[in-house]
Amino acid sequence: MTVVEARATCAGLEIIPWDDHIITTATTVVTAALLAASPQVTPAAGEPGLWWVGAAGLDRLGGERALVQALLAVGRHWHPRARVAVADSCIAARAATWATTGAAGQVRIPPGGDARYLARAPLALIPMDEELRETLAALGIRHAGPLAALEAEDVERRWGAEGLDAWRLSRGEDQRRPGLARTTPPRTVEAELPAPTPTMEPVLFLARAALDALTAALIDDGRAAAAVAITLTLDDARGALPIPARAHTVTREVRIPRPTARSAHLFDHCRALLERWPLTAPVCAVRVSIVATAPLSGEQGDLLVTEWRDPAAVDAALARLRAELGADGVVKPAARDEHAPERAGAWVPNAGNVGNADAETAVSPARTAVLRLLETPEPADVVCDGNAPRAVRWHGRRITLDRATGPELLSGDWWRDDGYRRAYWQCEGEGVELVLVCERDQWYVQGWYD
């Protein structure tokens, strides 16, 4: 409020001039006191009275609960209503301190809950340009939730990089961390094309060179790329307007299933993204950024162990296949709750890496091999001893069976108008493990194990 408004509220108000030197000295004193609670303390730039404090790695000292109590004890030495909030991101913690009420003066946002908490936060708590804030208010967007619900491309197209930064903060994606006086600048390489291009070939060429340079820097820092952002500047004649216009940029990110510092693998993921990217105007500039990193893995292959495979290479190969064949071009086996063995397995799209722990496979309970089912059973000639198969001729090859387990008699599915009554046999011989089916005196090969 203004001084006049303040005096109307409190006639005995005393006006104390702002003194940057006094504020800086006091901030330093409080920072030193907070170091007793955590080794990572950073005064928030431009916001006197606000500190970022690291809350990780203090489990042996009582964890977050003990940290909060220690911070409150320090803060209340100077302010009777000091507030502490714990969150995954600085932006959510700041919003929580402003929302905190009552004598406790503390809030803990559950891990992974920043975006949900921020959905109710007013835009005044999201750092952004005032002109952008007024524009959003005019559109009826006054809280972080509606802003976070917008599409990233729409935000960038309307408000450029500044709008995209505010959009990320509204989703709890804050790169600031305690212990850093400023945000670490992202690893970025930019290049302009000599002439606008309507195709992706020159863009791919520049992206490959950019990734080579970025991965070299990552390796020096002992880091691996977990996410790559590609920004294209489009030549859509905005520069011809008589008034200054913001360059039209479009940014998309690719998340790497396994962080890697190999430029060839990163390029495969980026190429898969770019080849699916429809261009609405010629491209005149490219920016490649490593927006998220992880510690560089020490796992290496052994020249004498031929079975070793690089998991990141598999992910990159699958990314290429998805780009060429479509999102459903890469599938994985999954178990289904079906009575008939031939329906107990299915192929489902595999959108992630092949190493996902939740990837179910159609596997016999007593086996570790995978059952490969044929979409349509194939007729076969079977020689039997009694009713047990002893040899099978399939695809021109005669296989002598050393073991045949069965029969497993199954019937059902009358409600599908294709009721069945079949005898299933698990057979093994000459290094081959087959599933044979006999129905109405006709033998079929249903699948095999490998």
Protein backbone atom coordinates (compact mmCIF):
# COMPACT_ATOMS: atom_id res chain seq x y z
CA MET A 1 0.00 0.00 0.00
CA THR A 2 1.04 3.62 -0.31
CA VAL A 3 2.35 5.63 2.65
CA VAL A 4 -0.92 7.59 2.82
CA GLU A 5 -2.94 4.39 2.97
CA ALA A 6 -0.60 2.98 5.60
CA ARG A 7 -0.90 6.08 7.82
CA ALA A 8 -4.69 5.89 7.53
CA THR A 9 -4.47 2.36 8.90
CA CYS A 10 -1.84 3.08 11.56
CA ALA A 11 -1.50 6.67 12.74
CA GLY A 12 1.70 5.90 14.66
CA LEU A 13 3.44 4.46 11.61
CA GLU A 14 7.19 5.08 11.50
CA ILE A 15 8.75 5.30 8.02
CA ILE A 16 12.26 3.82 7.82
CA PRO A 17 14.17 4.48 4.59
CA TRP A 18 15.32 1.41 2.67
CA ASP A 19 19.04 0.82 3.03
CA ASP A 20 20.59 -1.74 0.69
CA HIS A 21 23.73 -2.03 2.82
CA ILE A 22 21.75 -2.85 5.97
CA ILE A 23 19.59 -5.37 4.08
CA THR A 24 22.64 -7.08 2.57
CA THR A 25 24.36 -7.29 5.97
CA ALA A 26 21.26 -8.72 7.63
CA THR A 27 20.80 -11.25 4.81
CA THR A 28 24.37 -12.44 5.28
CA VAL A 29 23.86 -12.86 9.03
CA VAL A 30 20.70 -14.95 8.51
CA THR A 31 22.38 -17.02 5.81
CA ALA A 32 25.22 -17.87 8.20
CA ALA A 33 22.70 -18.91 10.85
CA LEU A 34 20.78 -21.12 8.40
CA LEU A 35 23.99 -22.97 7.53
CA ALA A 36 23.71 -24.64 10.93
CA ALA A 37 20.63 -26.47 9.63
CA SER A 38 21.72 -27.29 6.05
CA PRO A 39 24.96 -26.98 4.07
CA GLN A 40 23.06 -25.59 1.06
CA VAL A 41 21.63 -22.12 1.60
CA THR A 42 20.97 -19.48 -1.06
CA PRO A 43 19.31 -16.06 -0.54
CA ALA A 44 16.65 -15.64 -3.22
CA ALA A 45 17.76 -12.95 -5.67
CA GLY A 46 15.60 -9.83 -5.55
CA GLU A 47 13.40 -11.12 -2.70
CA PRO A 48 14.83 -10.10 0.68
CA GLY A 49 13.58 -12.37 3.43
CA LEU A 50 13.42 -15.49 1.24
CA TRP A 51 16.02 -18.30 1.22
CA TRP A 52 16.34 -21.55 -0.68
CA VAL A 53 17.60 -24.31 1.63
CA GLY A 54 18.68 -27.80 0.54
CA ALA A 55 16.57 -30.53 2.18
CA ALA A 56 18.19 -33.62 0.63
CA GLY A 57 20.79 -35.90 2.21
CA LEU A 58 19.90 -35.08 5.82
CA ASP A 59 18.24 -38.38 6.73
CA ARG A 60 20.79 -39.21 9.42
CA LEU A 61 20.14 -35.84 11.05
CA GLY A 62 16.40 -36.35 11.41
CA GLY A 63 15.28 -35.76 7.84
CA GLU A 64 12.88 -33.06 6.68
CA ARG A 65 10.97 -32.86 9.95
CA ALA A 66 14.08 -31.98 11.96
CA LEU A 67 15.22 -29.57 9.25
CA VAL A 68 11.92 -27.69 9.33
CA GLN A 69 12.07 -27.28 13.10
CA ALA A 70 15.67 -26.06 12.92
CA LEU A 71 14.81 -23.52 10.20
CA LEU A 72 11.80 -22.25 12.13
CA ALA A 73 13.95 -21.80 15.25
CA VAL A 74 16.45 -19.72 13.27
CA GLY A 75 13.82 -17.71 11.41
CA ARG A 76 11.78 -16.84 14.49
CA HIS A 77 14.81 -15.24 16.04
CA TRP A 78 14.15 -12.36 13.60
CA HIS A 79 10.48 -12.78 12.70
CA PRO A 80 7.69 -14.12 14.96
CA ARG A 81 5.81 -15.66 12.03
CA ALA A 82 8.61 -17.22 10.00
CA ARG A 83 7.35 -19.84 7.54
CA VAL A 84 8.99 -22.95 6.07
CA ALA A 85 7.83 -25.07 3.14
CA VAL A 86 9.41 -28.25 1.73
CA ALA A 87 8.85 -29.22 -1.90
CA ASP A 88 10.56 -30.75 -4.93
CA SER A 89 10.97 -27.32 -6.58
CA CYS A 90 11.77 -23.82 -5.40
CA ILE A 91 8.67 -22.36 -7.08
CA ALA A 92 6.31 -24.70 -5.19
CA ALA A 93 8.08 -24.09 -1.87
CA ARG A 94 7.78 -20.33 -2.36
CA ALA A 95 4.06 -20.60 -3.11
CA ALA A 96 3.56 -22.79 -0.04
CA THR A 97 5.23 -20.28 2.28
CA TRP A 98 2.81 -17.59 1.14
CA ALA A 99 -0.16 -19.89 1.66
CA THR A 100 0.98 -21.01 5.11
CA THR A 101 -1.20 -19.83 7.99
CA GLY A 102 -1.45 -20.62 11.67
CA ALA A 103 1.11 -21.01 14.41
CA ALA A 104 2.81 -24.05 12.86
CA GLY A 105 4.14 -22.02 9.92
CA GLN A 106 5.16 -25.11 7.96
CA VAL A 107 3.98 -27.00 4.87
CA ARG A 108 5.36 -30.16 3.26
CA ILE A 109 4.30 -30.92 -0.31
CA PRO A 110 4.48 -34.69 -1.01
CA PRO A 111 7.11 -35.81 -3.54
CA GLY A 112 5.79 -35.44 -7.07
CA GLY A 113 2.92 -33.22 -5.93
CA ASP A 114 4.26 -29.80 -6.93
CA ALA A 115 2.15 -29.44 -10.09
CA ARG A 116 -1.04 -30.35 -8.25
CA TYR A 117 -0.26 -27.91 -5.43
CA LEU A 118 0.60 -25.08 -7.80
CA ALA A 119 -2.65 -25.49 -9.74
CA ARG A 120 -4.39 -23.36 -7.08
CA ALA A 121 -1.59 -20.81 -6.74
CA PRO A 122 -2.28 -17.28 -8.05
CA LEU A 123 -0.18 -16.09 -10.97
CA ALA A 124 1.29 -13.43 -8.68
CA LEU A 125 3.46 -16.21 -7.20
CA ILE A 126 4.80 -17.31 -10.62
CA PRO A 127 7.77 -15.19 -11.79
CA MET A 128 7.01 -13.66 -15.18
CA ASP A 129 6.97 -10.39 -17.07
CA GLU A 130 4.23 -8.03 -15.83
CA GLU A 131 2.95 -7.52 -19.37
CA LEU A 132 2.52 -11.27 -19.73
CA ARG A 133 0.78 -11.47 -16.35
CA GLU A 134 -1.68 -8.74 -17.39
CA THR A 135 -2.31 -10.48 -20.71
CA LEU A 136 -3.09 -13.77 -18.99
CA ALA A 137 -5.39 -12.02 -16.53
CA ALA A 138 -7.25 -10.42 -19.43
CA LEU A 139 -7.77 -13.92 -20.84
CA GLY A 140 -9.23 -15.06 -17.52
CA ILE A 141 -6.11 -16.99 -16.45
CA ARG A 142 -5.40 -15.95 -12.87
CA HIS A 143 -4.02 -19.19 -11.41
CA ALA A 144 -1.17 -21.49 -12.33
CA GLY A 145 -3.42 -24.46 -13.10
CA PRO A 146 -5.09 -23.03 -16.24
CA LEU A 147 -1.70 -21.82 -17.51
CA ALA A 148 -0.13 -25.25 -16.96
CA ALA A 149 -3.04 -26.86 -18.85
CA LEU A 150 -2.18 -25.01 -22.07
CA GLU A 151 -0.18 -26.72 -24.79
CA ALA A 152 3.51 -25.80 -24.84
CA GLU A 153 3.42 -25.01 -28.56
CA ASP A 154 0.49 -22.62 -28.14
CA VAL A 155 2.24 -20.83 -25.27
CA GLU A 156 5.48 -20.44 -27.20
CA ARG A 157 3.68 -19.30 -30.35
CA ARG A 158 1.84 -16.56 -28.44
CA TRP A 159 4.38 -15.42 -25.88
CA GLY A 160 7.74 -16.81 -26.95
CA ALA A 161 10.48 -18.02 -24.62
CA GLU A 162 9.27 -15.85 -21.71
CA GLY A 163 5.84 -17.47 -21.86
CA LEU A 164 7.38 -20.93 -22.07
CA ASP A 165 9.49 -20.27 -18.95
CA ALA A 166 6.40 -19.18 -17.01
CA TRP A 167 4.50 -22.22 -18.30
CA ARG A 168 7.22 -24.56 -17.03
CA LEU A 169 7.25 -22.88 -13.61
CA SER A 170 3.46 -23.24 -13.36
CA ARG A 171 3.99 -27.00 -13.79
CA GLY A 172 6.63 -27.11 -11.04
CA GLU A 173 9.51 -27.49 -13.51
CA ASP A 174 12.04 -25.23 -11.77
CA GLN A 175 15.76 -25.66 -12.44
CA ARG A 176 16.81 -23.49 -9.49
CA ARG A 177 18.45 -25.34 -6.64
CA PRO A 178 19.79 -24.28 -3.22
CA GLY A 179 23.51 -23.74 -3.11
CA LEU A 180 23.64 -22.01 -6.49
CA ALA A 181 23.70 -18.23 -6.63
CA ARG A 182 22.18 -18.44 -10.12
CA THR A 183 20.62 -21.06 -12.32
CA THR A 184 23.17 -23.07 -14.27
CA PRO A 185 22.73 -22.07 -17.92
CA PRO A 186 21.59 -24.98 -20.09
CA ARG A 187 24.08 -26.54 -22.46
CA THR A 188 23.00 -25.00 -25.74
CA VAL A 189 24.28 -24.79 -29.30
CA GLU A 190 22.66 -22.47 -31.84
CA ALA A 191 23.15 -22.13 -35.58
CA GLU A 192 21.50 -20.19 -38.39
CA LEU A 193 20.98 -21.66 -41.83
CA PRO A 194 22.40 -19.73 -44.80
CA ALA A 195 18.94 -19.79 -46.36
CA PRO A 196 15.53 -20.87 -45.01
CA THR A 197 14.86 -24.54 -45.75
CA PRO A 198 11.48 -26.26 -46.15
CA THR A 199 12.99 -29.71 -45.43
CA MET A 200 14.61 -31.33 -42.42
CA GLU A 201 17.87 -32.50 -44.05
CA PRO A 202 19.91 -29.35 -43.20
CA VAL A 203 18.35 -29.31 -39.73
CA LEU A 204 19.44 -32.91 -39.11
CA PHE A 205 22.97 -32.07 -40.27
CA LEU A 206 23.22 -29.15 -37.82
CA ALA A 207 21.60 -31.15 -35.01
CA ARG A 208 24.22 -33.91 -35.40
CA ALA A 209 27.08 -31.41 -35.18
CA ALA A 210 25.47 -29.71 -32.16
CA LEU A 211 25.06 -33.01 -30.32
CA ASP A 212 28.71 -33.91 -30.96
CA ALA A 213 29.78 -30.67 -29.28
CA LEU A 214 27.31 -30.98 -26.40
CA THR A 215 28.16 -34.59 -25.56
CA ALA A 216 31.87 -33.78 -25.46
CA ALA A 217 31.13 -31.16 -22.79
CA LEU A 218 28.88 -33.60 -20.92
CA ILE A 219 31.59 -36.24 -20.73
CA ASP A 220 34.05 -33.68 -19.37
CA ASP A 221 31.56 -32.94 -16.57
CA GLY A 222 30.81 -36.61 -15.91
CA ARG A 223 27.17 -36.18 -16.95
CA ALA A 224 24.79 -37.86 -19.40
CA ALA A 225 21.85 -36.35 -21.29
CA ALA A 226 18.40 -37.24 -19.95
CA ALA A 227 16.38 -34.80 -22.10
CA VAL A 228 17.14 -32.84 -25.26
CA ALA A 229 15.19 -29.80 -26.47
CA ILE A 230 15.22 -28.73 -30.12
CA THR A 231 14.02 -25.23 -31.03
CA LEU A 232 13.31 -24.32 -34.65
CA THR A 233 13.03 -20.68 -35.71
CA LEU A 234 10.51 -20.46 -38.53
CA ASP A 235 10.64 -17.93 -41.35
CA ASP A 236 6.94 -17.12 -41.61
CA ALA A 237 7.32 -13.48 -42.74
CA ARG A 238 6.84 -12.03 -39.26
CA GLY A 239 10.03 -10.05 -39.72
CA ALA A 240 8.39 -8.17 -42.60
CA LEU A 241 5.87 -6.53 -40.30
CA PRO A 242 6.34 -2.76 -39.80
CA ILE A 243 6.43 -3.21 -36.02
CA PRO A 244 9.01 -5.27 -34.10
CA ALA A 245 7.84 -8.88 -33.83
CA ARG A 246 9.09 -11.77 -31.75
CA ALA A 247 10.71 -14.54 -33.77
CA HIS A 248 8.41 -17.51 -34.27
CA THR A 249 10.03 -20.45 -32.51
CA VAL A 250 8.73 -23.94 -31.82
CA THR A 251 10.34 -26.12 -29.15
CA ARG A 252 9.94 -29.83 -28.58
CA GLU A 253 11.67 -32.12 -26.12
CA VAL A 254 12.68 -35.75 -26.28
CA ARG A 255 13.15 -37.71 -23.05
CA ILE A 256 15.86 -40.35 -23.19
CA PRO A 257 14.79 -43.70 -21.61
CA ARG A 258 18.35 -44.24 -20.37
CA PRO A 259 20.56 -41.15 -19.97
CA THR A 260 23.50 -41.35 -22.34
CA ALA A 261 26.47 -39.26 -23.43
CA ARG A 262 26.84 -40.91 -26.84
CA SER A 263 26.02 -38.45 -29.58
CA ALA A 264 25.01 -41.18 -32.04
CA HIS A 265 22.31 -42.48 -29.69
CA LEU A 266 21.06 -38.97 -28.91
CA PHE A 267 20.95 -38.17 -32.61
CA ASP A 268 18.78 -41.23 -33.30
CA HIS A 269 16.24 -40.00 -30.74
CA CYS A 270 16.35 -36.46 -32.14
CA ARG A 271 16.05 -37.67 -35.71
CA ALA A 272 12.97 -39.68 -34.76
CA LEU A 273 11.49 -36.48 -33.32
CA LEU A 274 12.41 -34.28 -36.29
CA GLU A 275 11.18 -36.72 -38.94
CA ARG A 276 7.71 -36.67 -37.32
CA TRP A 277 7.74 -32.87 -37.06
CA PRO A 278 5.52 -31.20 -39.70
CA LEU A 279 6.91 -27.85 -40.83
CA THR A 280 4.43 -25.00 -41.22
CA ALA A 281 7.11 -22.64 -42.57
CA PRO A 282 10.76 -22.82 -43.67
CA VAL A 283 13.39 -23.17 -40.93
CA CYS A 284 16.00 -20.44 -40.63
CA ALA A 285 17.72 -21.35 -37.33
CA VAL A 286 18.20 -24.32 -35.00
CA ARG A 287 18.92 -24.49 -31.27
CA VAL A 288 19.79 -27.76 -29.49
CA SER A 289 19.84 -27.81 -25.68
CA ILE A 290 20.53 -30.46 -23.05
CA VAL A 291 17.79 -29.52 -20.59
CA ALA A 292 18.20 -32.40 -18.13
CA THR A 293 21.21 -34.49 -17.18
CA ALA A 294 22.08 -37.44 -14.96
CA PRO A 295 25.33 -38.86 -13.61
CA LEU A 296 27.31 -40.61 -16.33
CA SER A 297 27.05 -44.36 -15.93
CA GLY A 298 30.28 -46.28 -15.44
CA GLU A 299 28.90 -49.38 -17.17
CA GLN A 300 31.15 -50.41 -20.06
CA GLY A 301 31.33 -53.35 -22.41
CA ASP A 302 34.06 -55.98 -22.27
CA LEU A 303 35.77 -56.88 -25.53
CA LEU A 304 35.90 -60.50 -24.37
CA VAL A 305 32.21 -60.67 -23.42
CA THR A 306 30.34 -60.85 -26.70
CA GLU A 307 26.95 -61.08 -24.96
CA TRP A 308 27.20 -57.52 -23.60
CA ARG A 309 24.88 -55.06 -25.26
CA ASP A 310 24.57 -51.33 -24.81
CA PRO A 311 20.99 -50.67 -23.58
CA ALA A 312 21.13 -47.10 -24.90
CA ALA A 313 21.86 -48.46 -28.39
CA VAL A 314 18.70 -50.58 -28.20
CA ASP A 315 16.62 -47.54 -27.21
CA ALA A 316 18.09 -45.54 -30.08
CA ALA A 317 17.35 -48.33 -32.58
CA LEU A 318 13.74 -48.53 -31.37
CA ALA A 319 13.42 -44.76 -31.76
CA ARG A 320 14.50 -45.08 -35.41
CA LEU A 321 11.97 -47.86 -35.99
CA ARG A 322 9.15 -45.81 -34.47
CA ALA A 323 10.07 -42.89 -36.72
CA GLU A 324 9.96 -45.10 -39.83
CA LEU A 325 7.09 -47.46 -38.96
CA GLY A 326 4.95 -45.30 -36.68
CA ALA A 327 4.29 -45.38 -32.95
CA ASP A 328 2.81 -48.91 -33.21
CA GLY A 329 5.74 -50.25 -35.23
CA VAL A 330 7.56 -51.46 -32.09
CA VAL A 331 5.67 -53.94 -29.94
CA LYS A 332 6.34 -56.13 -26.93
CA PRO A 333 4.73 -59.38 -25.76
CA ALA A 334 2.15 -59.03 -23.02
CA ALA A 335 0.19 -61.59 -21.03
CA ARG A 336 -3.61 -61.65 -21.25
CA ASP A 337 -6.11 -63.26 -18.95
CA GLU A 338 -7.39 -65.84 -21.43
CA HIS A 339 -8.24 -69.52 -21.05
CA ALA A 340 -6.86 -70.71 -24.37
CA PRO A 341 -3.03 -70.65 -24.63
CA GLU A 342 -3.10 -69.12 -28.11
CA ARG A 343 -4.97 -66.14 -26.69
CA ALA A 344 -2.90 -65.82 -23.53
CA GLY A 345 -0.34 -63.62 -25.26
CA ALA A 346 -0.62 -60.45 -27.31
CA TRP A 347 1.56 -57.80 -28.91
CA VAL A 348 1.11 -54.30 -27.56
CA PRO A 349 2.85 -51.04 -28.57
CA ASN A 350 6.07 -50.46 -26.66
CA ALA A 351 6.34 -46.68 -26.27
CA GLY A 352 9.23 -46.81 -23.81
CA ASN A 353 12.53 -48.64 -23.50
CA VAL A 354 12.71 -52.41 -23.68
CA GLY A 355 14.02 -52.59 -20.13
CA ASN A 356 10.81 -51.43 -18.46
CA ALA A 357 10.12 -53.51 -15.38
CA ASP A 358 6.39 -53.57 -16.14
CA ALA A 359 6.82 -55.23 -19.54
CA GLU A 360 4.88 -58.45 -19.15
CA THR A 361 5.65 -61.45 -21.35
CA ALA A 362 3.57 -64.46 -22.26
CA VAL A 363 5.61 -67.02 -20.36
CA SER A 364 4.71 -70.47 -19.13
CA PRO A 365 4.67 -70.54 -15.30
CA ALA A 366 7.36 -73.24 -15.18
CA ARG A 367 9.61 -71.73 -17.84
CA THR A 368 11.85 -68.72 -18.34
CA ALA A 369 11.67 -68.90 -22.17
CA VAL A 370 9.17 -66.75 -24.05
CA LEU A 371 6.27 -68.41 -25.84
CA ARG A 372 6.10 -67.18 -29.45
CA LEU A 373 2.55 -67.77 -30.66
CA LEU A 374 1.63 -67.90 -34.33
CA GLU A 375 -1.25 -65.65 -35.31
CA THR A 376 -2.75 -68.61 -37.22
CA PRO A 377 -1.87 -72.21 -36.26
CA GLU A 378 -0.01 -73.98 -39.06
CA PRO A 379 -0.91 -77.57 -40.10
CA ALA A 380 1.76 -80.19 -39.44
CA ASP A 381 2.19 -83.95 -39.98
CA VAL A 382 2.61 -85.74 -36.66
CA VAL A 383 3.63 -89.36 -35.99
CA CYS A 384 2.11 -90.64 -32.74
CA ASP A 385 2.78 -93.49 -30.33
CA GLY A 386 -0.69 -94.14 -29.04
CA ASN A 387 -2.02 -90.59 -28.65
CA ALA A 388 1.35 -88.99 -27.79
CA PRO A 389 3.30 -87.27 -30.60
CA ARG A 390 6.78 -88.72 -31.31
CA ALA A 391 7.81 -86.84 -34.47
CA VAL A 392 6.55 -83.83 -36.39
CA ARG A 393 7.15 -82.62 -39.95
CA TRP A 394 6.85 -78.88 -40.25
CA HIS A 395 8.20 -76.47 -42.89
CA GLY A 396 9.87 -79.40 -44.65
CA ARG A 397 11.81 -80.47 -41.57
CA ARG A 398 11.27 -83.69 -39.60
CA ILE A 399 11.81 -83.24 -35.86
CA THR A 400 12.09 -86.28 -33.59
CA LEU A 401 10.49 -85.51 -30.25
CA ASP A 402 12.31 -86.65 -27.11
CA ARG A 403 9.63 -85.42 -24.73
CA ALA A 404 5.91 -84.77 -25.05
CA THR A 405 3.91 -83.51 -22.08
CA GLY A 406 0.13 -83.69 -22.33
CA PRO A 407 -2.54 -83.77 -23.31
CA GLU A 408 -4.05 -80.64 -21.79
CA LEU A 409 -7.68 -80.82 -22.84
CA LEU A 410 -9.38 -77.45 -23.17
CA SER A 411 -12.73 -76.38 -24.56
CA GLY A 412 -14.95 -73.33 -24.42
CA ASP A 413 -15.72 -69.95 -26.00
CA TRP A 414 -19.11 -71.09 -27.23
CA TRP A 415 -20.30 -67.50 -26.73
CA ARG A 416 -17.97 -66.36 -29.53
CA ASP A 417 -19.50 -68.74 -32.11
CA ASP A 418 -16.11 -70.44 -32.44
CA GLY A 419 -16.24 -73.01 -29.67
CA TYR A 420 -13.33 -75.40 -29.51
CA ARG A 421 -12.26 -78.74 -28.04
CA ARG A 422 -8.51 -79.19 -28.32
CA ALA A 423 -5.61 -81.19 -26.91
CA TYR A 424 -2.41 -79.21 -26.25
CA TRP A 425 1.05 -80.83 -26.05
CA GLN A 426 4.36 -79.34 -24.91
CA CYS A 427 6.99 -81.07 -27.02
CA GLU A 428 10.79 -80.93 -27.18
CA GLY A 429 13.33 -82.46 -29.49
CA GLU A 430 16.46 -81.66 -31.52
CA GLY A 431 16.86 -78.35 -29.68
CA VAL A 432 13.35 -77.18 -30.56
CA GLU A 433 10.49 -76.67 -28.11
CA LEU A 434 7.05 -76.65 -29.74
CA VAL A 435 3.43 -76.30 -28.72
CA LEU A 436 1.30 -78.76 -30.72
CA VAL A 437 -2.49 -78.71 -30.89
CA CYS A 438 -4.79 -81.52 -32.00
CA GLU A 439 -8.33 -80.60 -32.96
CA ARG A 440 -10.71 -82.97 -34.78
CA ASP A 441 -7.83 -85.34 -35.59
CA GLN A 442 -5.85 -82.55 -37.27
CA TRP A 443 -2.48 -81.48 -35.81
CA TYR A 444 -1.21 -77.89 -35.78
CA VAL A 445 1.90 -76.05 -34.61
CA GLN A 446 0.62 -73.32 -32.30
CA GLY A 447 3.99 -71.77 -31.36
CA TRP A 448 7.43 -72.35 -29.92
CA TYR A 449 9.61 -71.31 -27.00
CA ASP A 450 12.86 -69.37 -27.31
